[in-house]
Amino acid sequence: MYGSVFRMKPKPGARDAVLQDTEQWYKERGKDVPGFVASYALEAANGDIIGVAFFENEETYRRNAADPGQDAWYQRLRANLEADPEWNDGLFRTWHK
């Protein structure tokens, strides 16, 4: 799998809006984005939101990133953040018990 681990810092008072935006992506886009597997978010004690998004492979990840619908969603999300998210893209490895 391929994807990103990301960190976002919501503007003061905008945490709920950021979380709603991420949930909206899943409801409105996630089910229709080829190659999307799953995403998770952690609400850190310092107020940051740390997330991970999984895609089947790098090609489907990059295709989604280049989609105008993805950019429109991102611009709405970005309006509620103090700065651009920190993105860490790469190939995921999994180990299970």
N, C-alpha and C. Protein backbone atom coordinates (compact mmCIF):
# COMPACT_ATOMS: atom_id res chain seq x y z
N MET A 1 0.83 -1.18 0.00
CA MET A 1 0.00 0.00 0.00
C MET A 1 0.88 1.24 0.00
N TYR A 2 0.31 2.33 -0.46
CA TYR A 2 1.01 3.61 -0.53
C TYR A 2 0.10 4.66 0.08
N GLY A 3 0.66 5.72 0.61
CA GLY A 3 -0.17 6.79 1.16
C GLY A 3 0.64 7.83 1.88
N SER A 4 0.02 8.40 2.90
CA SER A 4 0.65 9.50 3.61
C SER A 4 0.29 9.47 5.08
N VAL A 5 1.26 9.86 5.89
CA VAL A 5 1.03 10.19 7.29
C VAL A 5 1.12 11.71 7.34
N PHE A 6 0.13 12.35 7.93
CA PHE A 6 0.11 13.81 7.89
C PHE A 6 -0.24 14.39 9.25
N ARG A 7 0.20 15.63 9.44
CA ARG A 7 -0.08 16.37 10.67
C ARG A 7 -0.70 17.71 10.27
N MET A 8 -1.82 18.03 10.93
CA MET A 8 -2.50 19.30 10.67
C MET A 8 -2.68 20.05 11.99
N LYS A 9 -2.54 21.36 11.94
CA LYS A 9 -2.74 22.20 13.11
C LYS A 9 -3.95 23.10 12.83
N PRO A 10 -5.11 22.75 13.40
CA PRO A 10 -6.30 23.59 13.18
C PRO A 10 -6.12 24.99 13.78
N LYS A 11 -6.76 25.95 13.15
CA LYS A 11 -6.81 27.29 13.73
C LYS A 11 -7.57 27.21 15.05
N PRO A 12 -7.35 28.16 15.96
CA PRO A 12 -8.10 28.14 17.22
C PRO A 12 -9.60 28.10 16.96
N GLY A 13 -10.26 27.16 17.61
CA GLY A 13 -11.70 27.01 17.46
C GLY A 13 -12.15 26.26 16.22
N ALA A 14 -11.22 25.79 15.40
CA ALA A 14 -11.59 25.15 14.13
C ALA A 14 -11.40 23.63 14.13
N ARG A 15 -11.06 23.03 15.27
CA ARG A 15 -10.82 21.59 15.32
C ARG A 15 -12.02 20.80 14.81
N ASP A 16 -13.21 21.14 15.27
CA ASP A 16 -14.40 20.40 14.84
C ASP A 16 -14.62 20.54 13.33
N ALA A 17 -14.37 21.73 12.79
CA ALA A 17 -14.54 21.94 11.35
C ALA A 17 -13.56 21.09 10.56
N VAL A 18 -12.32 20.98 11.04
CA VAL A 18 -11.32 20.16 10.36
C VAL A 18 -11.74 18.69 10.40
N LEU A 19 -12.19 18.23 11.54
CA LEU A 19 -12.64 16.84 11.64
C LEU A 19 -13.87 16.59 10.77
N GLN A 20 -14.77 17.55 10.70
CA GLN A 20 -15.94 17.42 9.82
C GLN A 20 -15.52 17.38 8.35
N ASP A 21 -14.54 18.21 7.99
CA ASP A 21 -14.05 18.20 6.61
C ASP A 21 -13.45 16.85 6.24
N THR A 22 -12.70 16.25 7.18
CA THR A 22 -12.10 14.95 6.87
C THR A 22 -13.17 13.87 6.77
N GLU A 23 -14.18 13.94 7.63
CA GLU A 23 -15.28 12.98 7.54
C GLU A 23 -16.07 13.18 6.24
N GLN A 24 -16.25 14.44 5.85
CA GLN A 24 -16.96 14.75 4.61
C GLN A 24 -16.23 14.15 3.41
N TRP A 25 -14.89 14.20 3.42
CA TRP A 25 -14.14 13.62 2.32
C TRP A 25 -14.50 12.14 2.18
N TYR A 26 -14.50 11.45 3.30
CA TYR A 26 -14.79 10.01 3.27
C TYR A 26 -16.19 9.75 2.72
N LYS A 27 -17.17 10.52 3.18
CA LYS A 27 -18.56 10.31 2.76
C LYS A 27 -18.80 10.70 1.31
N GLU A 28 -18.19 11.80 0.87
CA GLU A 28 -18.47 12.33 -0.47
C GLU A 28 -17.51 11.85 -1.54
N ARG A 29 -16.26 11.63 -1.19
CA ARG A 29 -15.27 11.26 -2.20
C ARG A 29 -14.71 9.86 -2.01
N GLY A 30 -14.47 9.48 -0.78
CA GLY A 30 -13.77 8.24 -0.49
C GLY A 30 -14.34 7.01 -1.16
N LYS A 31 -15.64 6.90 -1.18
CA LYS A 31 -16.26 5.71 -1.77
C LYS A 31 -16.10 5.66 -3.29
N ASP A 32 -15.80 6.79 -3.91
CA ASP A 32 -15.68 6.85 -5.37
C ASP A 32 -14.25 7.02 -5.88
N VAL A 33 -13.30 7.17 -4.98
CA VAL A 33 -11.91 7.38 -5.40
C VAL A 33 -11.26 6.01 -5.65
N PRO A 34 -10.89 5.73 -6.90
CA PRO A 34 -10.25 4.44 -7.19
C PRO A 34 -8.97 4.27 -6.39
N GLY A 35 -8.83 3.11 -5.77
CA GLY A 35 -7.62 2.79 -5.05
C GLY A 35 -7.60 3.20 -3.59
N PHE A 36 -8.56 4.01 -3.15
CA PHE A 36 -8.59 4.40 -1.74
C PHE A 36 -8.93 3.19 -0.89
N VAL A 37 -8.16 2.99 0.19
CA VAL A 37 -8.37 1.85 1.08
C VAL A 37 -8.99 2.27 2.40
N ALA A 38 -8.35 3.19 3.11
CA ALA A 38 -8.82 3.60 4.44
C ALA A 38 -8.06 4.84 4.90
N SER A 39 -8.60 5.48 5.92
CA SER A 39 -7.88 6.58 6.56
C SER A 39 -8.25 6.58 8.05
N TYR A 40 -7.32 7.11 8.84
CA TYR A 40 -7.51 7.19 10.29
C TYR A 40 -7.00 8.55 10.75
N ALA A 41 -7.58 9.06 11.83
CA ALA A 41 -7.13 10.32 12.41
C ALA A 41 -6.97 10.17 13.91
N LEU A 42 -5.95 10.81 14.43
CA LEU A 42 -5.68 10.84 15.86
C LEU A 42 -5.75 12.30 16.30
N GLU A 43 -6.56 12.58 17.32
CA GLU A 43 -6.62 13.91 17.89
C GLU A 43 -5.58 13.96 19.00
N ALA A 44 -4.46 14.58 18.72
CA ALA A 44 -3.35 14.63 19.68
C ALA A 44 -3.69 15.56 20.84
N ALA A 45 -3.06 15.31 21.98
CA ALA A 45 -3.30 16.11 23.18
C ALA A 45 -2.97 17.58 22.96
N ASN A 46 -2.04 17.88 22.05
CA ASN A 46 -1.65 19.29 21.80
C ASN A 46 -2.58 19.99 20.81
N GLY A 47 -3.65 19.30 20.34
CA GLY A 47 -4.61 19.91 19.42
C GLY A 47 -4.36 19.59 17.96
N ASP A 48 -3.19 19.06 17.64
CA ASP A 48 -2.91 18.67 16.26
C ASP A 48 -3.77 17.46 15.88
N ILE A 49 -3.98 17.30 14.61
CA ILE A 49 -4.64 16.11 14.08
C ILE A 49 -3.62 15.39 13.23
N ILE A 50 -3.35 14.16 13.61
CA ILE A 50 -2.38 13.34 12.90
C ILE A 50 -3.17 12.24 12.20
N GLY A 51 -2.96 12.11 10.92
CA GLY A 51 -3.74 11.14 10.17
C GLY A 51 -2.89 10.28 9.27
N VAL A 52 -3.53 9.27 8.74
CA VAL A 52 -2.89 8.38 7.79
C VAL A 52 -3.94 8.04 6.73
N ALA A 53 -3.52 8.03 5.49
CA ALA A 53 -4.40 7.68 4.37
C ALA A 53 -3.72 6.59 3.55
N PHE A 54 -4.46 5.52 3.30
CA PHE A 54 -3.93 4.37 2.56
C PHE A 54 -4.58 4.25 1.19
N PHE A 55 -3.76 4.02 0.19
CA PHE A 55 -4.23 3.75 -1.17
C PHE A 55 -3.61 2.43 -1.62
N GLU A 56 -4.20 1.82 -2.63
CA GLU A 56 -3.70 0.53 -3.12
C GLU A 56 -2.26 0.61 -3.59
N ASN A 57 -1.90 1.75 -4.22
CA ASN A 57 -0.56 1.91 -4.77
C ASN A 57 -0.27 3.38 -5.00
N GLU A 58 0.95 3.69 -5.38
CA GLU A 58 1.33 5.09 -5.59
C GLU A 58 0.56 5.72 -6.74
N GLU A 59 0.29 4.97 -7.78
CA GLU A 59 -0.44 5.52 -8.93
C GLU A 59 -1.82 6.03 -8.52
N THR A 60 -2.57 5.25 -7.75
CA THR A 60 -3.91 5.71 -7.36
C THR A 60 -3.82 6.87 -6.38
N TYR A 61 -2.79 6.88 -5.53
CA TYR A 61 -2.58 7.99 -4.60
C TYR A 61 -2.32 9.28 -5.38
N ARG A 62 -1.42 9.22 -6.34
CA ARG A 62 -1.07 10.41 -7.13
C ARG A 62 -2.24 10.87 -8.00
N ARG A 63 -2.98 9.92 -8.53
CA ARG A 63 -4.15 10.28 -9.35
C ARG A 63 -5.15 11.07 -8.51
N ASN A 64 -5.40 10.61 -7.29
CA ASN A 64 -6.31 11.35 -6.41
C ASN A 64 -5.76 12.74 -6.10
N ALA A 65 -4.46 12.83 -5.82
CA ALA A 65 -3.85 14.12 -5.48
C ALA A 65 -3.98 15.12 -6.63
N ALA A 66 -4.00 14.64 -7.86
CA ALA A 66 -4.09 15.52 -9.03
C ALA A 66 -5.53 15.84 -9.44
N ASP A 67 -6.49 15.23 -8.79
CA ASP A 67 -7.90 15.41 -9.16
C ASP A 67 -8.41 16.79 -8.72
N PRO A 68 -9.08 17.54 -9.60
CA PRO A 68 -9.61 18.86 -9.22
C PRO A 68 -10.59 18.80 -8.04
N GLY A 69 -11.34 17.72 -7.92
CA GLY A 69 -12.24 17.57 -6.78
C GLY A 69 -11.49 17.47 -5.47
N GLN A 70 -10.34 16.81 -5.51
CA GLN A 70 -9.50 16.71 -4.32
C GLN A 70 -8.96 18.08 -3.94
N ASP A 71 -8.54 18.86 -4.94
CA ASP A 71 -8.02 20.19 -4.65
C ASP A 71 -9.11 21.09 -4.06
N ALA A 72 -10.33 21.01 -4.59
CA ALA A 72 -11.43 21.83 -4.05
C ALA A 72 -11.68 21.49 -2.58
N TRP A 73 -11.68 20.19 -2.27
CA TRP A 73 -11.87 19.78 -0.88
C TRP A 73 -10.70 20.30 -0.03
N TYR A 74 -9.49 20.15 -0.51
CA TYR A 74 -8.31 20.58 0.24
C TYR A 74 -8.36 22.08 0.53
N GLN A 75 -8.79 22.89 -0.42
CA GLN A 75 -8.85 24.34 -0.21
C GLN A 75 -9.82 24.68 0.92
N ARG A 76 -10.94 23.96 1.00
CA ARG A 76 -11.89 24.18 2.11
C ARG A 76 -11.25 23.79 3.44
N LEU A 77 -10.57 22.65 3.45
CA LEU A 77 -9.89 22.20 4.66
C LEU A 77 -8.81 23.20 5.06
N ARG A 78 -8.00 23.61 4.11
CA ARG A 78 -6.85 24.49 4.39
C ARG A 78 -7.27 25.80 5.04
N ALA A 79 -8.48 26.28 4.74
CA ALA A 79 -8.96 27.53 5.31
C ALA A 79 -9.09 27.44 6.84
N ASN A 80 -9.17 26.24 7.38
CA ASN A 80 -9.31 26.04 8.82
C ASN A 80 -8.01 25.62 9.50
N LEU A 81 -6.91 25.66 8.77
CA LEU A 81 -5.61 25.26 9.32
C LEU A 81 -4.70 26.47 9.47
N GLU A 82 -3.82 26.41 10.48
CA GLU A 82 -2.86 27.49 10.68
C GLU A 82 -1.79 27.52 9.60
N ALA A 83 -1.46 26.37 9.03
CA ALA A 83 -0.42 26.26 8.01
C ALA A 83 -0.74 25.04 7.15
N ASP A 84 0.01 24.90 6.06
CA ASP A 84 -0.16 23.69 5.25
C ASP A 84 0.13 22.47 6.11
N PRO A 85 -0.57 21.37 5.87
CA PRO A 85 -0.25 20.14 6.60
C PRO A 85 1.17 19.68 6.30
N GLU A 86 1.72 18.93 7.22
CA GLU A 86 3.00 18.26 7.00
C GLU A 86 2.66 16.89 6.41
N TRP A 87 3.16 16.62 5.21
CA TRP A 87 2.87 15.36 4.50
C TRP A 87 4.11 14.48 4.49
N ASN A 88 3.92 13.22 4.74
CA ASN A 88 5.00 12.23 4.68
C ASN A 88 4.50 11.07 3.83
N ASP A 89 4.75 11.14 2.53
CA ASP A 89 4.26 10.12 1.60
C ASP A 89 5.22 8.96 1.51
N GLY A 90 4.68 7.78 1.27
CA GLY A 90 5.56 6.64 1.07
C GLY A 90 4.83 5.32 1.04
N LEU A 91 5.62 4.28 0.94
CA LEU A 91 5.14 2.91 0.86
C LEU A 91 4.96 2.38 2.29
N PHE A 92 3.78 1.85 2.57
CA PHE A 92 3.51 1.29 3.90
C PHE A 92 3.90 -0.17 3.95
N ARG A 93 4.47 -0.55 5.07
CA ARG A 93 4.77 -1.94 5.39
C ARG A 93 3.87 -2.33 6.55
N THR A 94 3.41 -3.55 6.60
CA THR A 94 2.56 -3.97 7.69
C THR A 94 3.11 -5.22 8.36
N TRP A 95 2.94 -5.23 9.65
CA TRP A 95 3.29 -6.41 10.47
C TRP A 95 2.10 -6.65 11.38
N HIS A 96 1.76 -7.90 11.53
CA HIS A 96 0.60 -8.26 12.35
C HIS A 96 0.99 -9.30 13.38
N LYS A 97 0.30 -9.28 14.47
CA LYS A 97 0.51 -10.27 15.51
C LYS A 97 -0.11 -11.59 15.09
